[in-house]
């Protein structure tokens, strides 16, 4: 065995790595959002939080 890794194996590893990074960033983003909502809850009413989140959601939808 020569110890070389095929290009196909390298491509698969690269795809797996990219997928894992994407998953980590998604989970981290959700965790950050949850923390932000909890912080808002210490200083805002539930109605104010909901209105703020609804407005942010509207802006995200407008961005496409």
C-alpha atoms as a PDB file:
ATOM      1  CA  UNK A   1       0.000   0.000   0.000  1.00  0.00           C
ATOM      2  CA  UNK A   2       1.470   3.361  -1.023  1.00  0.00           C
ATOM      3  CA  UNK A   3      -0.200   5.453   1.694  1.00  0.00           C
ATOM      4  CA  UNK A   4      -1.635   7.900  -0.832  1.00  0.00           C
ATOM      5  CA  UNK A   5      -5.192   9.074  -0.550  1.00  0.00           C
ATOM      6  CA  UNK A   6      -7.256   9.122  -3.719  1.00  0.00           C
ATOM      7  CA  UNK A   7      -8.738  12.339  -5.010  1.00  0.00           C
ATOM      8  CA  UNK A   8     -12.180  10.808  -4.576  1.00  0.00           C
ATOM      9  CA  UNK A   9     -11.489  10.167  -0.880  1.00  0.00           C
ATOM     10  CA  UNK A  10     -10.191  13.703  -0.452  1.00  0.00           C
ATOM     11  CA  UNK A  11     -13.306  15.095  -2.130  1.00  0.00           C
ATOM     12  CA  UNK A  12     -15.526  13.019   0.170  1.00  0.00           C
ATOM     13  CA  UNK A  13     -13.624  14.222   3.237  1.00  0.00           C
ATOM     14  CA  UNK A  14     -13.937  17.795   2.034  1.00  0.00           C
ATOM     15  CA  UNK A  15     -17.702  17.397   1.567  1.00  0.00           C
ATOM     16  CA  UNK A  16     -18.113  15.817   5.002  1.00  0.00           C
ATOM     17  CA  UNK A  17     -16.043  18.589   6.566  1.00  0.00           C
ATOM     18  CA  UNK A  18     -18.055  21.334   4.866  1.00  0.00           C
ATOM     19  CA  UNK A  19     -21.313  19.680   5.919  1.00  0.00           C
ATOM     20  CA  UNK A  20     -20.149  19.439   9.539  1.00  0.00           C
ATOM     21  CA  UNK A  21     -19.077  23.090   9.548  1.00  0.00           C
ATOM     22  CA  UNK A  22     -22.478  24.119   8.147  1.00  0.00           C
ATOM     23  CA  UNK A  23     -24.292  22.060  10.798  1.00  0.00           C
ATOM     24  CA  UNK A  24     -22.157  23.551  13.582  1.00  0.00           C
ATOM     25  CA  UNK A  25     -22.799  27.106  12.384  1.00  0.00           C
ATOM     26  CA  UNK A  26     -26.546  26.480  12.159  1.00  0.00           C
ATOM     27  CA  UNK A  27     -26.663  25.048  15.696  1.00  0.00           C
ATOM     28  CA  UNK A  28     -24.501  27.882  17.010  1.00  0.00           C
ATOM     29  CA  UNK A  29     -26.722  30.477  15.352  1.00  0.00           C
ATOM     30  CA  UNK A  30     -29.840  28.985  16.922  1.00  0.00           C
ATOM     31  CA  UNK A  31     -28.144  28.880  20.326  1.00  0.00           C
ATOM     32  CA  UNK A  32     -27.145  32.531  19.921  1.00  0.00           C
ATOM     33  CA  UNK A  33     -30.720  33.462  18.990  1.00  0.00           C
ATOM     34  CA  UNK A  34     -32.086  31.628  22.022  1.00  0.00           C
ATOM     35  CA  UNK A  35     -29.635  33.484  24.264  1.00  0.00           C
ATOM     36  CA  UNK A  36     -30.638  36.810  22.702  1.00  0.00           C
ATOM     37  CA  UNK A  37     -34.320  36.050  23.263  1.00  0.00           C
ATOM     38  CA  UNK A  38     -33.632  35.144  26.891  1.00  0.00           C
ATOM     39  CA  UNK A  39     -31.710  38.397  27.330  1.00  0.00           C
ATOM     40  CA  UNK A  40     -34.597  40.333  25.795  1.00  0.00           C
ATOM     41  CA  UNK A  41     -36.955  38.612  28.244  1.00  0.00           C
ATOM     42  CA  UNK A  42     -35.070  40.141  31.155  1.00  0.00           C
ATOM     43  CA  UNK A  43     -35.860  43.684  29.970  1.00  0.00           C
ATOM     44  CA  UNK A  44     -38.892  43.481  27.690  1.00  0.00           C
ATOM     45  CA  UNK A  45     -42.443  42.213  27.799  1.00  0.00           C
ATOM     46  CA  UNK A  46     -43.394  39.080  25.897  1.00  0.00           C
ATOM     47  CA  UNK A  47     -45.442  41.230  23.554  1.00  0.00           C
ATOM     48  CA  UNK A  48     -42.445  43.476  22.801  1.00  0.00           C
ATOM     49  CA  UNK A  49     -40.243  40.438  22.184  1.00  0.00           C
ATOM     50  CA  UNK A  50     -42.815  38.888  19.851  1.00  0.00           C
ATOM     51  CA  UNK A  51     -43.242  42.158  17.931  1.00  0.00           C
ATOM     52  CA  UNK A  52     -39.481  42.538  17.565  1.00  0.00           C
ATOM     53  CA  UNK A  53     -39.053  38.965  16.349  1.00  0.00           C
ATOM     54  CA  UNK A  54     -41.956  39.312  13.932  1.00  0.00           C
ATOM     55  CA  UNK A  55     -40.394  42.463  12.474  1.00  0.00           C
ATOM     56  CA  UNK A  56     -37.029  40.734  12.131  1.00  0.00           C
ATOM     57  CA  UNK A  57     -38.709  37.766  10.446  1.00  0.00           C
ATOM     58  CA  UNK A  58     -40.430  40.134   8.018  1.00  0.00           C
ATOM     59  CA  UNK A  59     -37.081  41.707   7.137  1.00  0.00           C
ATOM     60  CA  UNK A  60     -35.496  38.298   6.577  1.00  0.00           C
ATOM     61  CA  UNK A  61     -38.349  37.284   4.270  1.00  0.00           C
ATOM     62  CA  UNK A  62     -37.941  40.514   2.286  1.00  0.00           C
ATOM     63  CA  UNK A  63     -34.249  39.769   1.757  1.00  0.00           C
ATOM     64  CA  UNK A  64     -35.340  36.747  -0.251  1.00  0.00           C
END
